[in-house]
Amino acid sequence: MKKYTTLLFSLVFFWTTQQVFAEKKGSKIGYEGFSGGMMLHVGYGQGNAYDVENGLGGVIAHEQMRGLSYGIGGTAKIHLGKHLRIGGEGYVSNLGYKKNDSFSSVGWGGLLVDCVWQLGKLAPFIGVTIGGGSVKNVTMQGEHGNDFIAEESVLFRKYPFMAIRPCVGLEYAITSKMRLLFSVDYLLNATSWQKDYVHGPKFFFGFIFYRLKESDK
């Protein structure tokens, strides 16, 4: 998996870097405005199989997280020239699995760079985000009561990782100041890939608000 992670990131990073240099050579890079908004996402997530052990080292369950992931987040970008955009973004994605309300949650955010091409009302883009994330995994091995009594059969894990997020998408201009956005990504864990790390494609949709120099005239 690490091999494919490195390859995918390298391809997106190389493409984006080439477009940045092309922008620099072809036209003047300067502030053209900003955009930002909120997005929802859904996708399919899956981790690797792992064993749950008791305090004596005995295996009490075999687990593998998989299923529908969903969440929310947002982005803000500064437009530099016709194609280059730089900004930041952050999201939280959740996945419930099996029974007893077990769940996994992944939160991440970072610095993004992307390139966009305006084709009438459509604007395809490709980019990459580099930042950090945190995984939280709570596995309930038995039924639990909604009370103040501590449960014994609970596995709790939390760990950070370096997040790399290549993505491609498409914006549709509803007006000069509002766009509908669709995109797909694959969040990569670059430093702490563990068995309970949930990975898979996610599909984003939401509204982006624009404030560009041209639209202000």
Protein backbone atom coordinates (compact mmCIF):
# COMPACT_ATOMS: atom_id res chain seq x y z
CA MET A 1 0.00 0.00 0.00
CA LYS A 2 2.83 2.41 0.78
CA LYS A 3 4.18 1.87 -2.76
CA TYR A 4 0.86 2.86 -4.34
CA THR A 5 0.53 5.78 -1.90
CA THR A 6 3.90 7.17 -2.96
CA LEU A 7 3.15 6.66 -6.67
CA LEU A 8 -0.27 8.35 -6.52
CA PHE A 9 1.04 11.31 -4.55
CA SER A 10 4.05 11.70 -6.86
CA LEU A 11 1.85 11.79 -9.97
CA VAL A 12 -0.54 14.41 -8.58
CA PHE A 13 2.30 16.49 -7.11
CA PHE A 14 4.26 16.40 -10.38
CA TRP A 15 1.20 17.42 -12.42
CA THR A 16 0.32 20.28 -10.08
CA THR A 17 3.93 21.52 -10.00
CA GLN A 18 4.08 21.51 -13.80
CA GLN A 19 0.90 23.57 -13.96
CA VAL A 20 2.27 26.07 -11.44
CA PHE A 21 5.40 26.60 -13.53
CA ALA A 22 3.27 26.87 -16.68
CA GLU A 23 1.17 29.54 -14.97
CA LYS A 24 4.29 31.42 -13.96
CA LYS A 25 5.71 31.39 -17.48
CA GLY A 26 2.47 32.03 -19.33
CA SER A 27 0.96 34.85 -17.29
CA LYS A 28 1.58 37.07 -14.33
CA ILE A 29 0.85 35.50 -10.95
CA GLY A 30 -1.10 37.90 -8.79
CA TYR A 31 -4.03 38.05 -6.42
CA GLU A 32 -7.31 37.55 -8.29
CA GLY A 33 -9.69 36.96 -5.36
CA PHE A 34 -10.75 34.12 -3.12
CA SER A 35 -13.31 31.34 -2.80
CA GLY A 36 -14.52 29.00 -0.10
CA GLY A 37 -17.40 26.95 1.24
CA MET A 38 -18.66 23.86 3.03
CA MET A 39 -19.00 20.35 1.62
CA LEU A 40 -20.54 17.02 2.58
CA HIS A 41 -19.01 13.73 1.56
CA VAL A 42 -19.88 10.04 1.35
CA GLY A 43 -17.75 7.10 0.36
CA TYR A 44 -16.75 3.52 1.00
CA GLY A 45 -14.11 2.83 3.65
CA GLN A 46 -12.29 -0.33 4.60
CA GLY A 47 -9.47 -1.26 6.95
CA ASN A 48 -7.36 -4.41 7.23
CA ALA A 49 -8.31 -7.36 9.43
CA TYR A 50 -6.97 -7.37 12.99
CA ASP A 51 -7.34 -9.36 16.21
CA VAL A 52 -8.71 -7.99 19.47
CA GLU A 53 -6.94 -9.45 22.50
CA ASN A 54 -7.70 -9.56 26.21
CA GLY A 55 -5.26 -8.59 28.93
CA LEU A 56 -3.69 -12.09 28.88
CA GLY A 57 -2.91 -12.01 25.16
CA GLY A 58 -5.77 -14.26 24.12
CA VAL A 59 -7.72 -13.41 20.96
CA ILE A 60 -11.36 -12.63 21.75
CA ALA A 61 -12.51 -11.28 18.37
CA HIS A 62 -11.51 -10.77 14.75
CA GLU A 63 -12.43 -7.38 13.32
CA GLN A 64 -12.34 -5.58 9.99
CA MET A 65 -13.93 -2.18 9.54
CA ARG A 66 -15.79 -1.61 6.28
CA GLY A 67 -18.85 0.26 5.13
CA LEU A 68 -20.27 3.66 4.30
CA SER A 69 -18.23 6.66 5.44
CA TYR A 70 -19.67 10.16 5.66
CA GLY A 71 -18.75 13.58 7.00
CA ILE A 72 -18.45 17.32 6.55
CA GLY A 73 -15.77 19.96 6.15
CA GLY A 74 -14.76 23.10 4.36
CA THR A 75 -12.15 24.85 2.25
CA ALA A 76 -10.86 28.35 1.53
CA LYS A 77 -8.60 29.31 -1.40
CA ILE A 78 -6.75 32.36 -2.66
CA HIS A 79 -6.68 32.64 -6.47
CA LEU A 80 -3.30 33.54 -7.98
CA GLY A 81 -3.58 34.05 -11.71
CA LYS A 82 -5.94 32.15 -14.00
CA HIS A 83 -5.18 28.62 -12.81
CA LEU A 84 -3.29 28.51 -9.52
CA ARG A 85 -5.11 28.39 -6.17
CA ILE A 86 -3.59 28.04 -2.69
CA GLY A 87 -5.42 27.67 0.60
CA GLY A 88 -6.44 25.28 3.34
CA GLU A 89 -9.11 22.74 4.15
CA GLY A 90 -10.27 20.42 6.91
CA TYR A 91 -12.73 17.52 7.21
CA VAL A 92 -14.06 14.85 9.55
CA SER A 93 -15.17 11.45 8.25
CA ASN A 94 -17.03 8.78 10.25
CA LEU A 95 -17.76 5.10 9.76
CA GLY A 96 -19.96 2.91 11.95
CA TYR A 97 -19.33 -0.84 11.75
CA LYS A 98 -20.80 -4.10 12.92
CA LYS A 99 -22.98 -3.91 16.02
CA ASN A 100 -22.86 -2.33 19.49
CA ASP A 101 -22.23 1.17 18.06
CA SER A 102 -18.55 0.63 17.18
CA PHE A 103 -17.14 3.42 15.03
CA SER A 104 -14.04 4.91 13.44
CA SER A 105 -13.48 8.62 12.95
CA VAL A 106 -10.78 10.32 10.88
CA GLY A 107 -10.15 14.07 11.02
CA TRP A 108 -7.63 15.84 8.81
CA GLY A 109 -6.63 19.19 7.42
CA GLY A 110 -3.76 21.00 5.77
CA LEU A 111 -2.37 23.25 3.07
CA LEU A 112 -3.78 22.72 -0.42
CA VAL A 113 -2.58 23.64 -3.90
CA ASP A 114 -4.71 23.05 -6.98
CA CYS A 115 -5.05 24.10 -10.59
CA VAL A 116 -8.34 25.00 -12.24
CA TRP A 117 -9.36 25.52 -15.87
CA GLN A 118 -12.37 27.68 -16.70
CA LEU A 119 -14.41 26.23 -19.59
CA GLY A 120 -17.54 28.31 -19.77
CA LYS A 121 -19.68 27.50 -16.74
CA LEU A 122 -17.61 24.39 -16.01
CA ALA A 123 -14.28 24.46 -14.16
CA PRO A 124 -12.42 21.14 -13.74
CA PHE A 125 -9.57 21.09 -11.23
CA ILE A 126 -6.88 18.83 -9.82
CA GLY A 127 -4.88 19.31 -6.65
CA VAL A 128 -3.25 17.95 -3.52
CA THR A 129 -3.44 18.72 0.20
CA ILE A 130 -0.60 18.03 2.62
CA GLY A 131 -1.21 18.22 6.35
CA GLY A 132 -2.02 16.14 9.39
CA GLY A 133 -4.78 13.91 10.65
CA SER A 134 -5.94 11.85 13.60
CA VAL A 135 -7.64 8.44 13.75
CA LYS A 136 -10.02 7.43 16.53
CA ASN A 137 -11.28 3.85 16.68
CA VAL A 138 -13.77 2.61 19.31
CA THR A 139 -14.67 -1.10 19.17
CA MET A 140 -17.44 -2.33 21.47
CA GLN A 141 -17.25 -6.10 22.03
CA GLY A 142 -20.58 -6.36 23.79
CA GLU A 143 -23.82 -4.58 24.42
CA HIS A 144 -23.58 -1.43 26.47
CA GLY A 145 -26.04 0.53 28.50
CA ASN A 146 -26.57 4.25 28.17
CA ASP A 147 -25.55 4.81 31.76
CA PHE A 148 -22.62 5.81 33.97
CA ILE A 149 -21.25 2.29 34.38
CA ALA A 150 -17.83 1.65 32.84
CA GLU A 151 -17.69 -1.01 30.15
CA GLU A 152 -15.04 -3.73 30.18
CA SER A 153 -15.11 -5.02 26.58
CA VAL A 154 -14.01 -1.81 24.84
CA LEU A 155 -11.04 -1.23 22.53
CA PHE A 156 -10.02 2.42 22.13
CA ARG A 157 -7.27 3.56 19.80
CA LYS A 158 -6.13 7.04 18.76
CA TYR A 159 -3.08 8.01 16.71
CA PRO A 160 -1.89 10.86 14.45
CA PHE A 161 -0.60 10.62 10.89
CA MET A 162 0.68 12.74 8.03
CA ALA A 163 -2.21 13.24 5.60
CA ILE A 164 -1.84 13.51 1.82
CA ARG A 165 -5.03 14.08 -0.16
CA PRO A 166 -4.95 14.03 -3.98
CA CYS A 167 -8.27 15.00 -5.52
CA VAL A 168 -9.98 15.86 -8.80
CA GLY A 169 -13.23 17.73 -9.20
CA LEU A 170 -15.56 19.92 -11.16
CA GLU A 171 -17.24 23.24 -10.37
CA TYR A 172 -20.40 24.50 -12.06
CA ALA A 173 -21.08 28.26 -12.00
CA ILE A 174 -24.63 28.94 -10.82
CA THR A 175 -23.87 32.66 -10.68
CA SER A 176 -20.65 34.69 -10.81
CA LYS A 177 -20.39 34.37 -7.03
CA MET A 178 -21.69 30.86 -6.30
CA ARG A 179 -20.76 27.47 -7.68
CA LEU A 180 -21.81 23.88 -7.21
CA LEU A 181 -18.84 21.57 -6.56
CA PHE A 182 -18.33 17.84 -7.08
CA SER A 183 -15.03 16.09 -6.35
CA VAL A 184 -13.50 12.75 -5.45
CA ASP A 185 -10.43 12.06 -3.29
CA TYR A 186 -8.43 9.28 -1.66
CA LEU A 187 -6.95 10.21 1.72
CA LEU A 188 -3.47 8.74 2.13
CA ASN A 189 -1.81 7.93 5.45
CA ALA A 190 1.87 8.66 4.79
CA THR A 191 3.45 7.96 8.19
CA SER A 192 1.32 5.62 10.35
CA TRP A 193 -0.54 3.15 8.19
CA GLN A 194 -2.08 0.68 10.66
CA LYS A 195 -4.51 -2.20 10.38
CA ASP A 196 -7.47 -0.18 11.61
CA TYR A 197 -6.84 2.76 9.28
CA VAL A 198 -9.97 3.12 7.12
CA HIS A 199 -9.22 4.06 3.51
CA GLY A 200 -11.23 4.37 0.33
CA PRO A 201 -12.61 6.89 -2.18
CA LYS A 202 -14.90 9.67 -1.02
CA PHE A 203 -17.27 11.81 -3.08
CA PHE A 204 -17.76 15.47 -2.12
CA PHE A 205 -20.54 17.87 -3.00
CA GLY A 206 -21.38 21.35 -1.80
CA PHE A 207 -21.53 25.06 -2.61
CA ILE A 208 -18.51 27.33 -3.12
CA PHE A 209 -18.75 31.10 -2.86
CA TYR A 210 -16.52 33.21 -5.11
CA ARG A 211 -15.25 36.76 -4.77
CA LEU A 212 -13.04 37.48 -7.75
CA LYS A 213 -11.87 40.78 -9.23
CA GLU A 214 -13.80 40.22 -12.45
CA SER A 215 -17.09 39.54 -10.65
CA ASP A 216 -16.69 42.67 -8.51
CA LYS A 217 -16.69 45.05 -11.46
